[in-house]
Structure formats: structure tokens, C-alpha cells
């Protein structure tokens, strides 16, 4: 069990993480789903007893205890691997099928790909926080400049001293090496 004390926004990645104090005395940052609330508790539950009781409180579950077609996020491929799938803002996967004979679960990822996971790996109910991140508009020319990112100039548009592809006035059509040999059709 752990207690969520604060949320922190990682600006360049647009991710929201929560600072959690564990019952064992440890402190960690956890990726946040839309169910996390400040001063809320996070439970690790190996078995899901009642889904309705956990909808108000965020929890980590083993995949075999999650109901079919539920929204899950922050998935690990096999136990102890760490969060690897459905961890981007606003994303979630759906549990399609459980196979107890081979100890695998089939999940449909946000890309539409169906992938097999271990039924003993951890998952969190709900989708990852900041689902409106995609609504941010970065169409202004100075949007990335405000984050310190400079514009990238093509090599063809540069002078020959600055780049091997630069300095041509459309007389040589293909990119060349610094020694004048063509790099195309190799």
C-alpha cells in the first residue's frame, strides 16, 4: 500500500507522475492514471474481488484478475520487467482474452496490435493521465523555441563549407560525398 502526496508534471515529456510513500518506508514516483487522486491510497491487489470498490481507488492488479474488455494501462510484458506498454498520455489497452493453460493474456494495444502478456504481470485500471495532451497546438513557429529547441536547416540549403550536400545551385541533382562522388543509386 502507498499514499499519493503530490503530482509532478515532466514538461518536455508531458507526463504526470505521482510521488508515493510506500508502507515499507520507501518513496517513489509512479506514472499516473486518471483514477489517481492526491492523498489517495494505491493498493496492490493480486486478485480483484469487486471491480466497483476499486473504481474510486487506484490499484495495481495482476492481469488474470482484470475483467475482459477492461481499460488497462501501465503494463509490463512479464513480471518484474517494469512498465513498457500503454504508458503514453491518454492511452489504454483492452484485455481481449485470458488463457490459463499457457498463463498468457491477449491485449489489444492502443495501436491496434494484439500482443501476448503474462497473466502474472502488473497492470493499472483506467487510462494514463493527461488525455487532453493531444489537443495542444504546436503550429506556431516559436512553439518549440520556447522549449529551447532550435530549427533544423537542411544540408542542401547550406554552404559547401558547412555541409557536404551544400553549395549547389541545382546543377548537380544528387547528394554528393565531400569528394564529389554521388551517394545515390548505391
N, C-alpha and C. Protein backbone atom coordinates (compact mmCIF):
# COMPACT_ATOMS: atom_id res chain seq x y z
N UNK A 1 0.84 -1.17 0.00
CA UNK A 1 0.00 0.00 0.00
C UNK A 1 0.89 1.24 0.00
N UNK A 2 0.47 2.29 -0.64
CA UNK A 2 1.20 3.55 -0.64
C UNK A 2 0.23 4.72 -0.67
N UNK A 3 0.74 5.89 -0.32
CA UNK A 3 -0.07 7.11 -0.26
C UNK A 3 0.48 8.10 -1.28
N UNK A 4 -0.40 8.67 -2.09
CA UNK A 4 0.00 9.69 -3.07
C UNK A 4 0.03 11.04 -2.37
N UNK A 5 1.18 11.72 -2.42
CA UNK A 5 1.26 13.01 -1.74
C UNK A 5 1.23 14.19 -2.71
N UNK A 6 1.92 14.09 -3.84
CA UNK A 6 1.91 15.19 -4.80
C UNK A 6 1.94 14.64 -6.22
N UNK A 7 1.64 15.52 -7.17
CA UNK A 7 1.78 15.21 -8.59
C UNK A 7 2.86 16.10 -9.16
N UNK A 8 3.61 15.58 -10.12
CA UNK A 8 4.65 16.37 -10.77
C UNK A 8 4.51 16.20 -12.28
N UNK A 9 4.55 17.32 -12.99
CA UNK A 9 4.47 17.30 -14.45
C UNK A 9 5.88 17.36 -15.01
N UNK A 10 6.23 16.39 -15.84
CA UNK A 10 7.52 16.40 -16.52
C UNK A 10 7.30 17.15 -17.82
N UNK A 11 7.86 18.39 -17.95
CA UNK A 11 7.41 19.29 -19.02
C UNK A 11 7.72 18.84 -20.44
N UNK A 12 8.92 18.36 -20.74
CA UNK A 12 9.24 18.04 -22.13
C UNK A 12 8.63 16.74 -22.58
N UNK A 13 8.27 15.88 -21.64
CA UNK A 13 7.63 14.62 -21.99
C UNK A 13 6.12 14.68 -21.84
N UNK A 14 5.60 15.75 -21.23
CA UNK A 14 4.17 15.90 -20.96
C UNK A 14 3.61 14.69 -20.24
N UNK A 15 4.30 14.26 -19.18
CA UNK A 15 3.84 13.14 -18.37
C UNK A 15 3.57 13.62 -16.97
N UNK A 16 2.57 13.03 -16.36
CA UNK A 16 2.22 13.34 -14.98
C UNK A 16 2.59 12.13 -14.13
N UNK A 17 3.44 12.36 -13.12
CA UNK A 17 3.82 11.29 -12.21
C UNK A 17 3.38 11.68 -10.80
N UNK A 18 3.20 10.69 -9.95
CA UNK A 18 2.77 10.95 -8.58
C UNK A 18 3.85 10.48 -7.62
N UNK A 19 4.12 11.30 -6.62
CA UNK A 19 5.08 10.96 -5.57
C UNK A 19 4.34 10.12 -4.54
N UNK A 20 4.80 8.89 -4.36
CA UNK A 20 4.11 7.96 -3.46
C UNK A 20 5.03 7.52 -2.34
N UNK A 21 4.50 7.50 -1.16
CA UNK A 21 5.21 6.99 0.01
C UNK A 21 4.69 5.58 0.29
N UNK A 22 5.58 4.60 0.23
CA UNK A 22 5.19 3.21 0.42
C UNK A 22 5.06 2.88 1.90
N UNK A 23 4.30 1.84 2.22
CA UNK A 23 4.13 1.42 3.61
C UNK A 23 5.43 0.90 4.20
N UNK A 24 6.35 0.43 3.33
CA UNK A 24 7.63 -0.09 3.81
C UNK A 24 8.62 1.03 4.14
N UNK A 25 8.26 2.28 3.84
CA UNK A 25 9.13 3.41 4.13
C UNK A 25 9.80 3.98 2.90
N UNK A 26 9.64 3.34 1.76
CA UNK A 26 10.25 3.82 0.53
C UNK A 26 9.45 4.95 -0.10
N UNK A 27 10.14 5.70 -0.96
CA UNK A 27 9.50 6.80 -1.69
C UNK A 27 9.76 6.57 -3.17
N UNK A 28 8.75 6.73 -4.01
CA UNK A 28 8.93 6.50 -5.44
C UNK A 28 7.99 7.39 -6.24
N UNK A 29 8.38 7.61 -7.49
CA UNK A 29 7.50 8.27 -8.46
C UNK A 29 6.81 7.19 -9.28
N UNK A 30 5.51 7.26 -9.39
CA UNK A 30 4.74 6.31 -10.18
C UNK A 30 4.04 7.04 -11.31
N UNK A 31 3.97 6.44 -12.50
CA UNK A 31 3.15 7.03 -13.56
C UNK A 31 1.69 7.08 -13.10
N UNK A 32 0.97 8.09 -13.53
CA UNK A 32 -0.36 8.36 -13.01
C UNK A 32 -1.43 7.99 -14.02
N UNK A 33 -2.50 7.36 -13.52
CA UNK A 33 -3.67 7.13 -14.36
C UNK A 33 -4.72 8.16 -14.01
N UNK A 34 -5.84 8.14 -14.70
CA UNK A 34 -6.87 9.14 -14.44
C UNK A 34 -7.63 8.88 -13.14
N UNK A 35 -7.39 7.75 -12.48
CA UNK A 35 -8.06 7.45 -11.21
C UNK A 35 -7.29 7.95 -9.99
N UNK A 36 -6.04 8.37 -10.16
CA UNK A 36 -5.22 8.78 -9.02
C UNK A 36 -5.72 10.12 -8.49
N UNK A 37 -5.78 10.23 -7.18
CA UNK A 37 -6.16 11.48 -6.52
C UNK A 37 -5.14 11.79 -5.43
N UNK A 38 -4.97 13.08 -5.13
CA UNK A 38 -4.00 13.46 -4.12
C UNK A 38 -4.48 12.96 -2.75
N UNK A 39 -3.56 12.49 -1.96
CA UNK A 39 -3.79 11.87 -0.66
C UNK A 39 -4.66 10.62 -0.76
N UNK A 40 -4.65 10.01 -1.93
CA UNK A 40 -5.34 8.74 -2.11
C UNK A 40 -4.38 7.59 -1.86
N UNK A 41 -4.92 6.41 -1.71
CA UNK A 41 -4.11 5.23 -1.46
C UNK A 41 -4.01 4.40 -2.73
N UNK A 42 -2.85 3.76 -2.92
CA UNK A 42 -2.66 2.82 -4.02
C UNK A 42 -2.47 1.46 -3.38
N UNK A 43 -3.29 0.51 -3.80
CA UNK A 43 -3.21 -0.84 -3.28
C UNK A 43 -2.67 -1.75 -4.35
N UNK A 44 -1.86 -2.72 -3.92
CA UNK A 44 -1.51 -3.81 -4.82
C UNK A 44 -2.43 -4.97 -4.48
N UNK A 45 -3.24 -5.35 -5.43
CA UNK A 45 -4.21 -6.40 -5.20
C UNK A 45 -3.95 -7.54 -6.18
N UNK A 46 -3.52 -8.71 -5.67
CA UNK A 46 -3.30 -9.83 -6.59
C UNK A 46 -4.58 -10.37 -7.19
N UNK A 47 -5.70 -10.19 -6.49
CA UNK A 47 -6.97 -10.69 -7.00
C UNK A 47 -8.03 -9.60 -6.90
N UNK A 48 -8.77 -9.42 -7.95
CA UNK A 48 -9.83 -8.41 -8.00
C UNK A 48 -11.09 -9.02 -7.41
N UNK A 49 -11.50 -8.52 -6.24
CA UNK A 49 -12.70 -9.08 -5.60
C UNK A 49 -13.96 -8.42 -6.13
N UNK A 50 -13.99 -7.10 -6.12
CA UNK A 50 -15.15 -6.38 -6.62
C UNK A 50 -14.66 -5.18 -7.41
N UNK A 51 -14.98 -5.13 -8.68
CA UNK A 51 -14.49 -4.05 -9.54
C UNK A 51 -15.04 -2.70 -9.11
N UNK A 52 -16.27 -2.65 -8.64
CA UNK A 52 -16.87 -1.37 -8.26
C UNK A 52 -16.17 -0.74 -7.06
N UNK A 53 -15.64 -1.54 -6.15
CA UNK A 53 -14.97 -0.97 -4.98
C UNK A 53 -13.62 -0.36 -5.36
N UNK A 54 -13.03 -0.81 -6.47
CA UNK A 54 -11.72 -0.29 -6.86
C UNK A 54 -11.79 0.83 -7.89
N UNK A 55 -12.97 1.12 -8.41
CA UNK A 55 -13.05 2.17 -9.42
C UNK A 55 -12.78 3.55 -8.82
N UNK A 56 -13.03 3.71 -7.54
CA UNK A 56 -12.78 5.00 -6.92
C UNK A 56 -11.36 5.11 -6.38
N UNK A 57 -10.68 3.97 -6.20
CA UNK A 57 -9.32 3.98 -5.67
C UNK A 57 -8.39 3.31 -6.67
N UNK A 58 -7.28 3.97 -7.00
CA UNK A 58 -6.36 3.37 -7.96
C UNK A 58 -5.65 2.16 -7.36
N UNK A 59 -5.44 1.16 -8.16
CA UNK A 59 -4.79 -0.05 -7.69
C UNK A 59 -3.98 -0.65 -8.81
N UNK A 60 -3.04 -1.48 -8.42
CA UNK A 60 -2.27 -2.26 -9.37
C UNK A 60 -2.75 -3.70 -9.26
N UNK A 61 -3.02 -4.31 -10.38
CA UNK A 61 -3.57 -5.66 -10.40
C UNK A 61 -2.68 -6.58 -11.22
N UNK A 62 -2.79 -7.87 -10.95
CA UNK A 62 -2.24 -8.86 -11.85
C UNK A 62 -3.25 -9.05 -12.97
N UNK A 63 -2.77 -9.32 -14.17
CA UNK A 63 -3.67 -9.36 -15.33
C UNK A 63 -4.75 -10.43 -15.25
N UNK A 64 -4.49 -11.54 -14.54
CA UNK A 64 -5.51 -12.58 -14.50
C UNK A 64 -6.74 -12.17 -13.69
N UNK A 65 -6.64 -11.10 -12.90
CA UNK A 65 -7.77 -10.70 -12.09
C UNK A 65 -8.60 -9.57 -12.71
N UNK A 66 -8.18 -9.08 -13.87
CA UNK A 66 -8.89 -7.98 -14.53
C UNK A 66 -9.98 -8.56 -15.42
N UNK A 67 -11.14 -7.90 -15.45
CA UNK A 67 -12.26 -8.37 -16.28
C UNK A 67 -11.95 -8.16 -17.76
N UNK A 68 -12.59 -8.98 -18.58
CA UNK A 68 -12.42 -8.91 -20.01
C UNK A 68 -12.94 -7.58 -20.57
N UNK A 69 -12.25 -7.02 -21.55
CA UNK A 69 -12.55 -5.75 -22.23
C UNK A 69 -12.43 -4.53 -21.32
N UNK A 70 -11.73 -4.66 -20.21
CA UNK A 70 -11.49 -3.52 -19.32
C UNK A 70 -10.37 -2.66 -19.89
N UNK A 71 -10.42 -1.37 -19.56
CA UNK A 71 -9.32 -0.47 -19.92
C UNK A 71 -8.20 -0.65 -18.92
N UNK A 72 -7.02 -1.01 -19.39
CA UNK A 72 -5.85 -1.15 -18.53
C UNK A 72 -4.72 -0.34 -19.14
N UNK A 73 -3.81 0.09 -18.30
CA UNK A 73 -2.65 0.85 -18.77
C UNK A 73 -1.46 0.52 -17.89
N UNK A 74 -0.32 1.09 -18.21
CA UNK A 74 0.91 0.90 -17.46
C UNK A 74 1.21 -0.59 -17.30
N UNK A 75 1.38 -1.26 -18.43
CA UNK A 75 1.53 -2.71 -18.49
C UNK A 75 3.00 -3.12 -18.52
N UNK A 76 3.28 -4.28 -17.94
CA UNK A 76 4.59 -4.90 -18.10
C UNK A 76 4.41 -6.21 -18.86
N UNK A 77 5.41 -6.56 -19.66
CA UNK A 77 5.30 -7.73 -20.52
C UNK A 77 5.33 -9.02 -19.71
N UNK A 78 6.26 -9.11 -18.78
CA UNK A 78 6.34 -10.25 -17.86
C UNK A 78 6.66 -9.72 -16.47
N UNK A 79 6.42 -10.49 -15.42
CA UNK A 79 6.57 -9.96 -14.06
C UNK A 79 7.97 -9.44 -13.77
N UNK A 80 8.02 -8.23 -13.21
CA UNK A 80 9.29 -7.62 -12.83
C UNK A 80 10.00 -6.87 -13.95
N UNK A 81 9.41 -6.80 -15.14
CA UNK A 81 10.07 -6.15 -16.27
C UNK A 81 9.95 -4.64 -16.22
N UNK A 82 9.01 -4.12 -15.45
CA UNK A 82 8.78 -2.68 -15.43
C UNK A 82 7.74 -2.29 -16.47
N UNK A 83 7.23 -1.09 -16.36
CA UNK A 83 6.18 -0.62 -17.25
C UNK A 83 6.75 -0.40 -18.64
N UNK A 84 6.16 -1.08 -19.63
CA UNK A 84 6.67 -1.00 -21.00
C UNK A 84 5.60 -0.61 -22.02
N UNK A 85 4.34 -0.90 -21.76
CA UNK A 85 3.30 -0.70 -22.75
C UNK A 85 2.17 0.16 -22.18
N UNK A 86 1.46 0.86 -23.08
CA UNK A 86 0.32 1.72 -22.76
C UNK A 86 0.69 2.70 -21.65
N UNK A 87 1.74 3.47 -21.87
CA UNK A 87 2.20 4.40 -20.85
C UNK A 87 2.24 5.84 -21.32
N UNK A 88 1.85 6.10 -22.54
CA UNK A 88 1.80 7.46 -23.05
C UNK A 88 0.52 8.14 -22.59
N UNK A 89 0.50 9.45 -22.58
CA UNK A 89 -0.64 10.20 -22.05
C UNK A 89 -1.92 9.89 -22.81
N UNK A 90 -2.96 9.52 -22.07
CA UNK A 90 -4.27 9.28 -22.64
C UNK A 90 -4.46 7.93 -23.27
N UNK A 91 -3.49 7.04 -23.18
CA UNK A 91 -3.61 5.74 -23.84
C UNK A 91 -4.07 4.66 -22.88
N UNK A 92 -4.61 3.60 -23.43
CA UNK A 92 -5.00 2.43 -22.66
C UNK A 92 -5.04 1.24 -23.60
N UNK A 93 -5.00 0.05 -23.02
CA UNK A 93 -5.13 -1.19 -23.77
C UNK A 93 -6.39 -1.90 -23.28
N UNK A 94 -6.86 -2.84 -24.07
CA UNK A 94 -8.04 -3.61 -23.67
C UNK A 94 -7.66 -5.08 -23.55
N UNK A 95 -8.14 -5.71 -22.49
CA UNK A 95 -7.90 -7.13 -22.28
C UNK A 95 -8.88 -7.92 -23.15
N UNK A 96 -8.36 -8.68 -24.09
CA UNK A 96 -9.20 -9.40 -25.03
C UNK A 96 -9.48 -10.83 -24.54
N UNK A 97 -8.42 -11.54 -24.11
CA UNK A 97 -8.61 -12.95 -23.79
C UNK A 97 -7.59 -13.39 -22.74
N UNK A 98 -8.00 -14.27 -21.84
CA UNK A 98 -7.11 -14.90 -20.87
C UNK A 98 -7.00 -16.38 -21.18
N UNK A 99 -5.78 -16.91 -21.15
CA UNK A 99 -5.55 -18.33 -21.35
C UNK A 99 -4.81 -18.87 -20.14
N UNK A 100 -5.53 -19.57 -19.26
CA UNK A 100 -4.92 -20.06 -18.03
C UNK A 100 -4.05 -21.30 -18.26
N UNK A 101 -4.23 -21.99 -19.39
CA UNK A 101 -3.39 -23.15 -19.69
C UNK A 101 -1.96 -22.73 -20.01
N UNK A 102 -1.81 -21.68 -20.80
CA UNK A 102 -0.47 -21.20 -21.15
C UNK A 102 -0.03 -20.00 -20.32
N UNK A 103 -0.87 -19.56 -19.36
CA UNK A 103 -0.57 -18.43 -18.46
C UNK A 103 -0.29 -17.14 -19.24
N UNK A 104 -1.10 -16.89 -20.25
CA UNK A 104 -0.93 -15.69 -21.07
C UNK A 104 -2.24 -14.94 -21.18
N UNK A 105 -2.12 -13.66 -21.48
CA UNK A 105 -3.28 -12.80 -21.70
C UNK A 105 -3.07 -12.07 -23.02
N UNK A 106 -4.12 -11.97 -23.80
CA UNK A 106 -4.05 -11.25 -25.07
C UNK A 106 -4.65 -9.87 -24.87
N UNK A 107 -3.85 -8.83 -25.17
CA UNK A 107 -4.31 -7.45 -25.01
C UNK A 107 -4.23 -6.74 -26.35
N UNK A 108 -5.21 -5.86 -26.58
CA UNK A 108 -5.18 -5.01 -27.76
C UNK A 108 -4.58 -3.68 -27.34
N UNK A 109 -3.43 -3.35 -27.91
CA UNK A 109 -2.70 -2.14 -27.57
C UNK A 109 -3.32 -0.92 -28.25
N UNK A 110 -2.94 0.29 -27.86
CA UNK A 110 -3.52 1.49 -28.48
C UNK A 110 -3.30 1.57 -29.99
N UNK A 111 -2.26 0.93 -30.49
CA UNK A 111 -2.01 0.95 -31.93
C UNK A 111 -2.91 -0.02 -32.69
N UNK A 112 -3.64 -0.87 -31.97
CA UNK A 112 -4.49 -1.86 -32.61
C UNK A 112 -3.84 -3.23 -32.67
N UNK A 113 -2.54 -3.31 -32.38
CA UNK A 113 -1.82 -4.57 -32.40
C UNK A 113 -2.25 -5.40 -31.19
N UNK A 114 -2.40 -6.68 -31.39
CA UNK A 114 -2.72 -7.59 -30.28
C UNK A 114 -1.44 -8.27 -29.85
N UNK A 115 -1.15 -8.22 -28.57
CA UNK A 115 0.11 -8.74 -28.05
C UNK A 115 -0.17 -9.63 -26.85
N UNK A 116 0.66 -10.65 -26.67
CA UNK A 116 0.52 -11.59 -25.58
C UNK A 116 1.37 -11.16 -24.39
N UNK A 117 0.76 -11.14 -23.21
CA UNK A 117 1.42 -10.78 -21.95
C UNK A 117 1.28 -11.93 -20.98
N UNK A 118 2.12 -11.94 -19.96
CA UNK A 118 1.98 -12.91 -18.88
C UNK A 118 0.80 -12.50 -18.00
N UNK A 119 0.06 -13.49 -17.50
CA UNK A 119 -1.10 -13.15 -16.66
C UNK A 119 -0.65 -12.73 -15.26
N UNK A 120 0.63 -12.88 -14.95
CA UNK A 120 1.15 -12.50 -13.64
C UNK A 120 1.84 -11.14 -13.66
N UNK A 121 1.75 -10.43 -14.76
CA UNK A 121 2.35 -9.09 -14.84
C UNK A 121 1.37 -8.05 -14.32
N UNK A 122 1.90 -6.92 -13.89
CA UNK A 122 1.08 -5.87 -13.28
C UNK A 122 0.41 -4.99 -14.33
N UNK A 123 -0.75 -4.49 -13.99
CA UNK A 123 -1.48 -3.54 -14.82
C UNK A 123 -2.25 -2.61 -13.90
N UNK A 124 -2.60 -1.45 -14.42
CA UNK A 124 -3.38 -0.49 -13.66
C UNK A 124 -4.68 -0.23 -14.41
N UNK A 125 -5.77 -0.11 -13.67
CA UNK A 125 -7.06 0.15 -14.31
C UNK A 125 -7.13 1.59 -14.79
N UNK A 126 -7.87 1.82 -15.86
CA UNK A 126 -8.07 3.17 -16.39
C UNK A 126 -7.01 3.52 -17.41
N UNK A 127 -7.10 4.75 -17.91
CA UNK A 127 -6.13 5.22 -18.89
C UNK A 127 -5.14 6.16 -18.23
N UNK A 128 -4.02 6.38 -18.90
CA UNK A 128 -2.96 7.23 -18.36
C UNK A 128 -3.46 8.67 -18.31
N UNK A 129 -3.00 9.42 -17.32
CA UNK A 129 -3.45 10.80 -17.10
C UNK A 129 -3.07 11.71 -18.26
N UNK A 130 -3.63 12.90 -18.28
CA UNK A 130 -3.42 13.94 -19.30
C UNK A 130 -3.91 13.50 -20.67
N UNK A 131 -5.16 13.06 -20.73
CA UNK A 131 -5.68 12.59 -22.01
C UNK A 131 -5.89 13.73 -23.00
N UNK A 132 -5.92 14.98 -22.54
CA UNK A 132 -6.09 16.12 -23.45
C UNK A 132 -4.77 16.64 -23.99
N UNK A 133 -3.69 15.91 -23.79
CA UNK A 133 -2.39 16.36 -24.26
C UNK A 133 -2.36 16.52 -25.78
N UNK A 134 -3.10 15.67 -26.47
CA UNK A 134 -3.11 15.74 -27.93
C UNK A 134 -3.80 16.98 -28.45
N UNK A 135 -4.56 17.68 -27.61
CA UNK A 135 -5.26 18.88 -28.04
C UNK A 135 -4.37 20.11 -28.03
N UNK A 136 -3.13 19.98 -27.51
CA UNK A 136 -2.20 21.11 -27.51
C UNK A 136 -1.82 21.45 -28.94
N UNK A 137 -1.81 22.71 -29.26
CA UNK A 137 -1.47 23.14 -30.61
C UNK A 137 -0.03 23.59 -30.66
N UNK A 138 0.75 23.00 -31.54
CA UNK A 138 2.12 23.42 -31.71
C UNK A 138 2.36 23.94 -33.13
N UNK A 139 1.40 24.68 -33.63
CA UNK A 139 1.51 25.18 -35.00
C UNK A 139 2.22 26.52 -35.09
N UNK A 140 2.44 27.19 -33.98
CA UNK A 140 3.17 28.45 -34.01
C UNK A 140 4.64 28.19 -34.34
N UNK A 141 5.26 29.12 -35.02
CA UNK A 141 6.65 28.93 -35.38
C UNK A 141 7.56 28.96 -34.16
N UNK A 142 7.16 29.68 -33.14
CA UNK A 142 8.01 29.78 -31.96
C UNK A 142 7.64 28.83 -30.84
N UNK A 143 6.79 27.83 -31.12
CA UNK A 143 6.34 26.92 -30.07
C UNK A 143 7.51 26.15 -29.48
N UNK A 144 8.31 25.53 -30.35
CA UNK A 144 9.43 24.73 -29.86
C UNK A 144 10.59 25.61 -29.42
N UNK A 145 10.67 26.84 -29.93
CA UNK A 145 11.72 27.75 -29.47
C UNK A 145 11.55 28.09 -28.00
N UNK A 146 10.31 28.11 -27.52
CA UNK A 146 10.08 28.40 -26.11
C UNK A 146 10.60 27.27 -25.22
N UNK A 147 10.80 26.07 -25.78
CA UNK A 147 11.38 24.97 -25.03
C UNK A 147 12.88 24.84 -25.26
N UNK A 148 13.46 25.77 -26.03
CA UNK A 148 14.90 25.74 -26.27
C UNK A 148 15.32 24.90 -27.47
N UNK A 149 14.36 24.46 -28.30
CA UNK A 149 14.69 23.66 -29.48
C UNK A 149 14.89 24.60 -30.66
N UNK A 150 16.04 24.48 -31.31
CA UNK A 150 16.35 25.35 -32.44
C UNK A 150 15.88 24.72 -33.74
N UNK A 151 15.63 25.52 -34.78
CA UNK A 151 15.21 24.96 -36.06
C UNK A 151 16.35 24.19 -36.73
N UNK A 152 16.01 23.19 -37.51
CA UNK A 152 16.99 22.37 -38.21
C UNK A 152 17.02 22.80 -39.67
N UNK A 153 18.19 23.16 -40.15
CA UNK A 153 18.36 23.58 -41.54
C UNK A 153 18.83 22.37 -42.35
N UNK A 154 18.23 22.17 -43.53
CA UNK A 154 18.63 21.07 -44.40
C UNK A 154 20.05 21.26 -44.88
N UNK A 155 20.73 20.14 -45.11
CA UNK A 155 22.11 20.20 -45.58
C UNK A 155 22.22 20.81 -46.97
N UNK A 156 21.22 20.59 -47.84
CA UNK A 156 21.23 21.13 -49.20
C UNK A 156 21.16 22.65 -49.19
N UNK A 157 20.53 23.21 -48.16
CA UNK A 157 20.36 24.66 -48.09
C UNK A 157 21.59 25.37 -47.52
N UNK A 158 22.62 24.62 -47.13
CA UNK A 158 23.81 25.22 -46.52
C UNK A 158 24.90 25.46 -47.55
N UNK A 159 25.96 26.09 -47.09
CA UNK A 159 27.14 26.32 -47.94
C UNK A 159 28.03 25.08 -47.94
N UNK A 160 28.91 24.96 -48.95
CA UNK A 160 29.74 23.75 -49.02
C UNK A 160 30.69 23.59 -47.83
N UNK A 161 31.08 24.67 -47.19
CA UNK A 161 31.97 24.53 -46.03
C UNK A 161 31.21 24.05 -44.80
N UNK A 162 29.90 24.19 -44.81
CA UNK A 162 29.10 23.80 -43.65
C UNK A 162 28.58 22.36 -43.73
N UNK A 163 28.37 21.86 -44.95
CA UNK A 163 27.77 20.54 -45.11
C UNK A 163 28.18 19.95 -46.45
N UNK A 164 28.38 18.62 -46.52
CA UNK A 164 28.78 18.01 -47.81
C UNK A 164 27.76 18.17 -48.92
N UNK A 165 26.49 18.32 -48.59
CA UNK A 165 25.45 18.45 -49.62
C UNK A 165 25.21 19.89 -50.03
N UNK A 166 25.88 20.83 -49.41
CA UNK A 166 25.56 22.23 -49.63
C UNK A 166 26.30 22.85 -50.79
N UNK A 167 25.84 24.05 -51.21
CA UNK A 167 26.55 24.86 -52.20
C UNK A 167 26.14 24.68 -53.63
N UNK A 168 25.20 23.82 -53.91
CA UNK A 168 24.83 23.62 -55.31
C UNK A 168 23.67 24.53 -55.67
N UNK A 169 23.67 24.99 -56.91
CA UNK A 169 22.56 25.79 -57.42
C UNK A 169 21.79 24.93 -58.42
N UNK A 170 21.41 23.77 -58.00
CA UNK A 170 20.60 22.82 -58.79
C UNK A 170 21.33 22.29 -60.02
N UNK A 171 22.65 22.45 -60.10
CA UNK A 171 23.37 21.92 -61.26
C UNK A 171 23.66 20.44 -61.07
N UNK A 172 23.96 20.02 -59.85
CA UNK A 172 24.17 18.60 -59.56
C UNK A 172 22.94 18.14 -58.78
N UNK A 173 22.26 17.14 -59.33
CA UNK A 173 20.95 16.82 -58.79
C UNK A 173 20.97 15.95 -57.55
N UNK A 174 22.02 15.14 -57.36
CA UNK A 174 22.00 14.17 -56.28
C UNK A 174 22.97 14.57 -55.17
N UNK A 175 22.72 14.11 -53.95
CA UNK A 175 23.66 14.37 -52.86
C UNK A 175 25.02 13.76 -53.16
N UNK A 176 26.08 14.47 -52.77
CA UNK A 176 27.44 14.02 -53.04
C UNK A 176 28.21 13.86 -51.74
N UNK A 177 29.24 13.05 -51.78
CA UNK A 177 30.18 12.93 -50.66
C UNK A 177 31.10 14.16 -50.70
N UNK A 178 31.90 14.38 -49.66
CA UNK A 178 32.83 15.52 -49.71
C UNK A 178 33.84 15.42 -50.85
N UNK A 179 34.02 14.24 -51.44
CA UNK A 179 34.99 14.06 -52.53
C UNK A 179 34.34 14.10 -53.90
N UNK A 180 33.04 14.45 -53.96
CA UNK A 180 32.37 14.64 -55.24
C UNK A 180 31.69 13.43 -55.81
N UNK A 181 31.72 12.31 -55.15
CA UNK A 181 31.07 11.10 -55.66
C UNK A 181 29.59 11.13 -55.25
N UNK A 182 28.73 10.59 -56.10
CA UNK A 182 27.31 10.57 -55.79
C UNK A 182 27.01 9.53 -54.71
N UNK A 183 26.07 9.82 -53.85
CA UNK A 183 25.68 8.87 -52.79
C UNK A 183 24.39 8.16 -53.13
N UNK A 184 23.80 8.48 -54.28
CA UNK A 184 22.56 7.85 -54.68
C UNK A 184 22.86 6.67 -55.61
N UNK A 185 21.91 5.78 -55.77
CA UNK A 185 22.00 4.61 -56.63
C UNK A 185 23.12 3.66 -56.20
N UNK A 186 23.34 3.49 -54.93
CA UNK A 186 24.41 2.58 -54.49
C UNK A 186 23.81 1.27 -54.08
